[in-house]
N, C-alpha and C. Protein backbone atom coordinates (compact mmCIF):
# COMPACT_ATOMS: atom_id res chain seq x y z
N MET A 1 0.84 -1.18 0.00
CA MET A 1 0.00 0.00 0.00
C MET A 1 0.89 1.24 0.00
N SER A 2 0.68 2.13 -0.95
CA SER A 2 1.43 3.39 -1.01
C SER A 2 0.69 4.45 -0.21
N LEU A 3 1.45 5.16 0.62
CA LEU A 3 0.90 6.24 1.43
C LEU A 3 1.48 7.57 1.00
N TYR A 4 0.68 8.61 1.12
CA TYR A 4 1.11 9.97 0.84
C TYR A 4 0.87 10.84 2.06
N HIS A 5 1.69 11.87 2.20
CA HIS A 5 1.55 12.87 3.25
C HIS A 5 1.04 14.13 2.56
N LEU A 6 -0.13 14.60 2.98
CA LEU A 6 -0.75 15.77 2.38
C LEU A 6 -0.81 16.89 3.41
N VAL A 7 -0.38 18.08 3.01
CA VAL A 7 -0.45 19.27 3.84
C VAL A 7 -1.27 20.32 3.10
N ILE A 8 -2.25 20.89 3.79
CA ILE A 8 -3.11 21.91 3.21
C ILE A 8 -3.11 23.13 4.12
N TYR A 9 -3.05 24.32 3.54
CA TYR A 9 -3.15 25.57 4.29
C TYR A 9 -4.52 26.15 4.01
N VAL A 10 -5.27 26.45 5.07
CA VAL A 10 -6.66 26.90 4.92
C VAL A 10 -6.97 27.98 5.95
N PRO A 11 -7.78 28.99 5.59
CA PRO A 11 -8.15 29.98 6.59
C PRO A 11 -8.93 29.33 7.73
N LEU A 12 -8.78 29.86 8.92
CA LEU A 12 -9.42 29.28 10.10
C LEU A 12 -10.92 29.08 9.91
N SER A 13 -11.55 29.97 9.19
CA SER A 13 -13.00 29.90 8.98
C SER A 13 -13.44 28.62 8.27
N HIS A 14 -12.54 27.98 7.52
CA HIS A 14 -12.89 26.79 6.74
C HIS A 14 -12.13 25.53 7.17
N ALA A 15 -11.37 25.61 8.24
CA ALA A 15 -10.54 24.47 8.66
C ALA A 15 -11.38 23.24 9.01
N ASP A 16 -12.45 23.42 9.76
CA ASP A 16 -13.29 22.27 10.12
C ASP A 16 -13.92 21.63 8.89
N ALA A 17 -14.37 22.45 7.94
CA ALA A 17 -14.98 21.91 6.72
C ALA A 17 -13.96 21.12 5.91
N VAL A 18 -12.73 21.61 5.82
CA VAL A 18 -11.69 20.89 5.07
C VAL A 18 -11.32 19.60 5.79
N ARG A 19 -11.20 19.64 7.12
CA ARG A 19 -10.91 18.40 7.87
C ARG A 19 -12.00 17.36 7.66
N ARG A 20 -13.25 17.81 7.69
CA ARG A 20 -14.38 16.91 7.47
C ARG A 20 -14.33 16.31 6.06
N ALA A 21 -14.05 17.13 5.07
CA ALA A 21 -13.95 16.66 3.69
C ALA A 21 -12.82 15.64 3.54
N LEU A 22 -11.71 15.90 4.22
CA LEU A 22 -10.58 14.95 4.18
C LEU A 22 -11.01 13.59 4.72
N ALA A 23 -11.60 13.59 5.90
CA ALA A 23 -11.99 12.33 6.54
C ALA A 23 -13.05 11.60 5.72
N GLU A 24 -14.04 12.33 5.23
CA GLU A 24 -15.13 11.70 4.48
C GLU A 24 -14.68 11.14 3.13
N SER A 25 -13.58 11.64 2.60
CA SER A 25 -13.09 11.15 1.31
C SER A 25 -11.99 10.10 1.45
N GLY A 26 -11.65 9.73 2.69
CA GLY A 26 -10.71 8.62 2.90
C GLY A 26 -9.36 8.98 3.46
N ALA A 27 -9.08 10.25 3.68
CA ALA A 27 -7.77 10.64 4.24
C ALA A 27 -7.76 10.43 5.75
N GLY A 28 -6.57 10.29 6.31
CA GLY A 28 -6.41 10.26 7.75
C GLY A 28 -6.68 8.93 8.42
N THR A 29 -6.57 7.83 7.67
CA THR A 29 -6.73 6.51 8.28
C THR A 29 -5.36 5.95 8.64
N ILE A 30 -5.19 5.64 9.92
CA ILE A 30 -3.95 5.06 10.41
C ILE A 30 -4.32 3.85 11.27
N GLY A 31 -4.04 2.67 10.76
CA GLY A 31 -4.39 1.45 11.49
C GLY A 31 -5.89 1.39 11.74
N ASN A 32 -6.27 1.23 13.00
CA ASN A 32 -7.68 1.13 13.37
C ASN A 32 -8.30 2.48 13.74
N TYR A 33 -7.75 3.56 13.21
CA TYR A 33 -8.24 4.91 13.49
C TYR A 33 -8.51 5.63 12.17
N ASP A 34 -9.55 6.45 12.16
CA ASP A 34 -9.78 7.28 10.99
C ASP A 34 -9.98 8.73 11.43
N GLY A 35 -10.02 9.63 10.48
CA GLY A 35 -10.16 11.04 10.79
C GLY A 35 -8.93 11.63 11.47
N CYS A 36 -7.78 10.97 11.35
CA CYS A 36 -6.55 11.44 11.99
C CYS A 36 -5.96 12.61 11.21
N SER A 37 -5.59 13.65 11.93
CA SER A 37 -4.93 14.79 11.31
C SER A 37 -4.14 15.53 12.37
N PHE A 38 -3.27 16.41 11.91
CA PHE A 38 -2.53 17.30 12.81
C PHE A 38 -2.67 18.71 12.26
N SER A 39 -2.88 19.67 13.15
CA SER A 39 -3.03 21.06 12.72
C SER A 39 -2.14 21.97 13.53
N SER A 40 -1.66 23.01 12.87
CA SER A 40 -0.95 24.09 13.56
C SER A 40 -1.34 25.39 12.88
N ARG A 41 -1.27 26.48 13.63
CA ARG A 41 -1.69 27.78 13.11
C ARG A 41 -0.51 28.64 12.73
N GLY A 42 -0.74 29.51 11.76
CA GLY A 42 0.29 30.44 11.31
C GLY A 42 -0.33 31.51 10.44
N THR A 43 0.53 32.27 9.81
CA THR A 43 0.08 33.37 8.95
C THR A 43 0.43 33.08 7.50
N GLY A 44 -0.57 33.05 6.65
CA GLY A 44 -0.35 32.90 5.22
C GLY A 44 -0.25 34.28 4.57
N ARG A 45 0.65 34.42 3.61
CA ARG A 45 0.84 35.69 2.91
C ARG A 45 0.78 35.44 1.41
N PHE A 46 0.14 36.36 0.71
CA PHE A 46 0.03 36.23 -0.74
C PHE A 46 -0.38 37.57 -1.35
N ARG A 47 -0.15 37.68 -2.65
CA ARG A 47 -0.60 38.86 -3.40
C ARG A 47 -1.33 38.36 -4.64
N PRO A 48 -2.63 38.57 -4.73
CA PRO A 48 -3.36 38.17 -5.92
C PRO A 48 -2.88 38.99 -7.14
N LEU A 49 -2.63 38.29 -8.22
CA LEU A 49 -2.18 38.94 -9.45
C LEU A 49 -3.36 39.21 -10.37
N LYS A 50 -3.12 40.00 -11.41
CA LYS A 50 -4.15 40.32 -12.39
C LYS A 50 -4.78 39.03 -12.90
N GLY A 51 -6.10 38.99 -12.93
CA GLY A 51 -6.83 37.81 -13.38
C GLY A 51 -7.28 36.93 -12.24
N ALA A 52 -6.77 37.18 -11.02
CA ALA A 52 -7.17 36.39 -9.85
C ALA A 52 -8.54 36.82 -9.36
N ASP A 53 -9.22 35.91 -8.70
CA ASP A 53 -10.51 36.19 -8.05
C ASP A 53 -10.37 35.77 -6.59
N PRO A 54 -9.67 36.59 -5.78
CA PRO A 54 -9.35 36.18 -4.41
C PRO A 54 -10.55 36.11 -3.48
N HIS A 55 -10.55 35.09 -2.62
CA HIS A 55 -11.55 34.94 -1.56
C HIS A 55 -11.33 36.02 -0.50
N VAL A 56 -10.06 36.36 -0.28
CA VAL A 56 -9.65 37.37 0.70
C VAL A 56 -8.68 38.32 0.00
N GLY A 57 -8.81 39.59 0.27
CA GLY A 57 -7.85 40.56 -0.27
C GLY A 57 -8.25 41.10 -1.62
N SER A 58 -7.33 41.88 -2.19
CA SER A 58 -7.57 42.55 -3.47
C SER A 58 -6.39 42.32 -4.41
N VAL A 59 -6.68 42.32 -5.69
CA VAL A 59 -5.64 42.15 -6.71
C VAL A 59 -4.57 43.22 -6.51
N GLY A 60 -3.32 42.79 -6.52
CA GLY A 60 -2.18 43.69 -6.41
C GLY A 60 -1.77 44.04 -4.99
N GLN A 61 -2.55 43.65 -4.00
CA GLN A 61 -2.26 44.00 -2.61
C GLN A 61 -1.81 42.76 -1.84
N ILE A 62 -0.74 42.89 -1.07
CA ILE A 62 -0.28 41.78 -0.22
C ILE A 62 -1.27 41.60 0.92
N GLU A 63 -1.63 40.36 1.16
CA GLU A 63 -2.61 40.03 2.19
C GLU A 63 -2.00 39.06 3.19
N GLU A 64 -2.39 39.18 4.43
CA GLU A 64 -2.01 38.23 5.48
C GLU A 64 -3.28 37.65 6.08
N VAL A 65 -3.31 36.32 6.22
CA VAL A 65 -4.48 35.63 6.73
C VAL A 65 -4.04 34.62 7.78
N GLU A 66 -4.74 34.58 8.91
CA GLU A 66 -4.47 33.53 9.90
C GLU A 66 -5.01 32.23 9.33
N GLU A 67 -4.12 31.27 9.19
CA GLU A 67 -4.47 30.00 8.56
C GLU A 67 -4.10 28.82 9.45
N GLU A 68 -4.66 27.69 9.09
CA GLU A 68 -4.33 26.44 9.76
C GLU A 68 -3.64 25.54 8.75
N ARG A 69 -2.56 24.90 9.18
CA ARG A 69 -1.86 23.91 8.37
C ARG A 69 -2.41 22.55 8.82
N ILE A 70 -3.04 21.85 7.92
CA ILE A 70 -3.63 20.54 8.23
C ILE A 70 -2.81 19.47 7.53
N GLU A 71 -2.39 18.47 8.30
CA GLU A 71 -1.58 17.37 7.75
C GLU A 71 -2.33 16.05 7.93
N VAL A 72 -2.33 15.24 6.89
CA VAL A 72 -2.96 13.92 6.94
C VAL A 72 -2.15 12.94 6.10
N VAL A 73 -2.39 11.65 6.34
CA VAL A 73 -1.87 10.62 5.45
C VAL A 73 -3.02 10.19 4.54
N VAL A 74 -2.67 9.78 3.33
CA VAL A 74 -3.67 9.36 2.35
C VAL A 74 -3.16 8.12 1.64
N GLU A 75 -3.98 7.08 1.63
CA GLU A 75 -3.65 5.91 0.82
C GLU A 75 -3.81 6.28 -0.65
N GLU A 76 -2.93 5.74 -1.47
CA GLU A 76 -2.94 6.09 -2.89
C GLU A 76 -4.31 5.89 -3.54
N LYS A 77 -5.04 4.85 -3.14
CA LYS A 77 -6.34 4.56 -3.75
C LYS A 77 -7.37 5.67 -3.49
N PHE A 78 -7.15 6.50 -2.46
CA PHE A 78 -8.08 7.58 -2.14
C PHE A 78 -7.59 8.95 -2.62
N LEU A 79 -6.41 9.02 -3.19
CA LEU A 79 -5.76 10.29 -3.48
C LEU A 79 -6.59 11.21 -4.36
N HIS A 80 -7.12 10.73 -5.46
CA HIS A 80 -7.89 11.59 -6.36
C HIS A 80 -9.16 12.11 -5.68
N ALA A 81 -9.85 11.24 -4.95
CA ALA A 81 -11.07 11.65 -4.25
C ALA A 81 -10.77 12.68 -3.16
N VAL A 82 -9.67 12.47 -2.45
CA VAL A 82 -9.28 13.40 -1.38
C VAL A 82 -8.94 14.77 -1.95
N LEU A 83 -8.15 14.82 -3.01
CA LEU A 83 -7.79 16.11 -3.61
C LEU A 83 -9.02 16.84 -4.15
N ALA A 84 -9.94 16.10 -4.75
CA ALA A 84 -11.18 16.72 -5.25
C ALA A 84 -12.02 17.25 -4.10
N ALA A 85 -12.08 16.51 -2.99
CA ALA A 85 -12.86 16.95 -1.83
C ALA A 85 -12.27 18.20 -1.20
N VAL A 86 -10.93 18.26 -1.13
CA VAL A 86 -10.27 19.44 -0.56
C VAL A 86 -10.57 20.66 -1.43
N LYS A 87 -10.43 20.52 -2.73
CA LYS A 87 -10.68 21.65 -3.64
C LYS A 87 -12.13 22.13 -3.55
N ALA A 88 -13.07 21.21 -3.34
CA ALA A 88 -14.48 21.58 -3.23
C ALA A 88 -14.78 22.29 -1.91
N ALA A 89 -14.09 21.92 -0.83
CA ALA A 89 -14.35 22.49 0.49
C ALA A 89 -13.53 23.75 0.78
N HIS A 90 -12.46 23.93 0.06
CA HIS A 90 -11.53 25.03 0.32
C HIS A 90 -12.03 26.31 -0.35
N PRO A 91 -11.99 27.45 0.35
CA PRO A 91 -12.52 28.68 -0.24
C PRO A 91 -11.59 29.37 -1.24
N TYR A 92 -10.30 29.02 -1.24
CA TYR A 92 -9.36 29.71 -2.11
C TYR A 92 -9.45 29.21 -3.54
N GLU A 93 -9.24 30.11 -4.46
CA GLU A 93 -9.19 29.79 -5.88
C GLU A 93 -8.03 28.82 -6.18
N GLU A 94 -6.91 29.02 -5.50
CA GLU A 94 -5.72 28.18 -5.65
C GLU A 94 -5.27 27.71 -4.26
N PRO A 95 -5.85 26.62 -3.74
CA PRO A 95 -5.43 26.15 -2.42
C PRO A 95 -3.95 25.78 -2.40
N ALA A 96 -3.26 26.20 -1.35
CA ALA A 96 -1.84 25.84 -1.18
C ALA A 96 -1.78 24.46 -0.55
N MET A 97 -1.16 23.51 -1.27
CA MET A 97 -1.04 22.14 -0.79
C MET A 97 0.34 21.60 -1.13
N HIS A 98 0.78 20.65 -0.32
CA HIS A 98 2.02 19.91 -0.59
C HIS A 98 1.68 18.42 -0.47
N LEU A 99 2.27 17.62 -1.33
CA LEU A 99 2.01 16.19 -1.33
C LEU A 99 3.32 15.44 -1.51
N TRP A 100 3.61 14.50 -0.58
CA TRP A 100 4.82 13.70 -0.65
C TRP A 100 4.47 12.23 -0.55
N LYS A 101 5.14 11.42 -1.33
CA LYS A 101 5.02 9.97 -1.19
C LYS A 101 5.86 9.56 0.01
N MET A 102 5.28 8.73 0.87
CA MET A 102 5.95 8.32 2.10
C MET A 102 6.65 6.98 1.94
N GLU A 103 7.70 6.80 2.68
CA GLU A 103 8.34 5.50 2.80
C GLU A 103 7.51 4.64 3.74
N ASP A 104 7.52 3.34 3.55
CA ASP A 104 6.79 2.44 4.43
C ASP A 104 7.63 2.19 5.68
N TYR A 105 7.44 3.02 6.70
CA TYR A 105 8.23 2.93 7.92
C TYR A 105 7.91 1.70 8.76
N LYS A 106 6.76 1.08 8.54
CA LYS A 106 6.35 -0.07 9.38
C LYS A 106 7.19 -1.32 9.09
N ASN A 107 7.85 -1.36 7.95
CA ASN A 107 8.65 -2.53 7.61
C ASN A 107 10.12 -2.35 7.90
N TRP A 108 10.50 -1.27 8.60
CA TRP A 108 11.91 -1.02 8.88
C TRP A 108 12.31 -1.71 10.15
């Protein structure tokens, strides 16, 4: 089974909705547990460019938003559904995400 580590940055107002979408689409299952995630808070910074339709801020202006970094594991078989669910639940036009394939640490 291939596992991936997914990190999503989301404004606090939508963090619960994104976590729920992650769990409902198959992310965050570890052994006999589901809905597993880790979150930390920080400040996201960005400047919408010409042609952008920002959820927060204005084109050409630097914006700072208090955001939550949500981390989950995702089995490869759920990856497409999870990414689609995150994009549907996330308010940003371009959600900031990172995705890494994980090594199978259980066999070491």
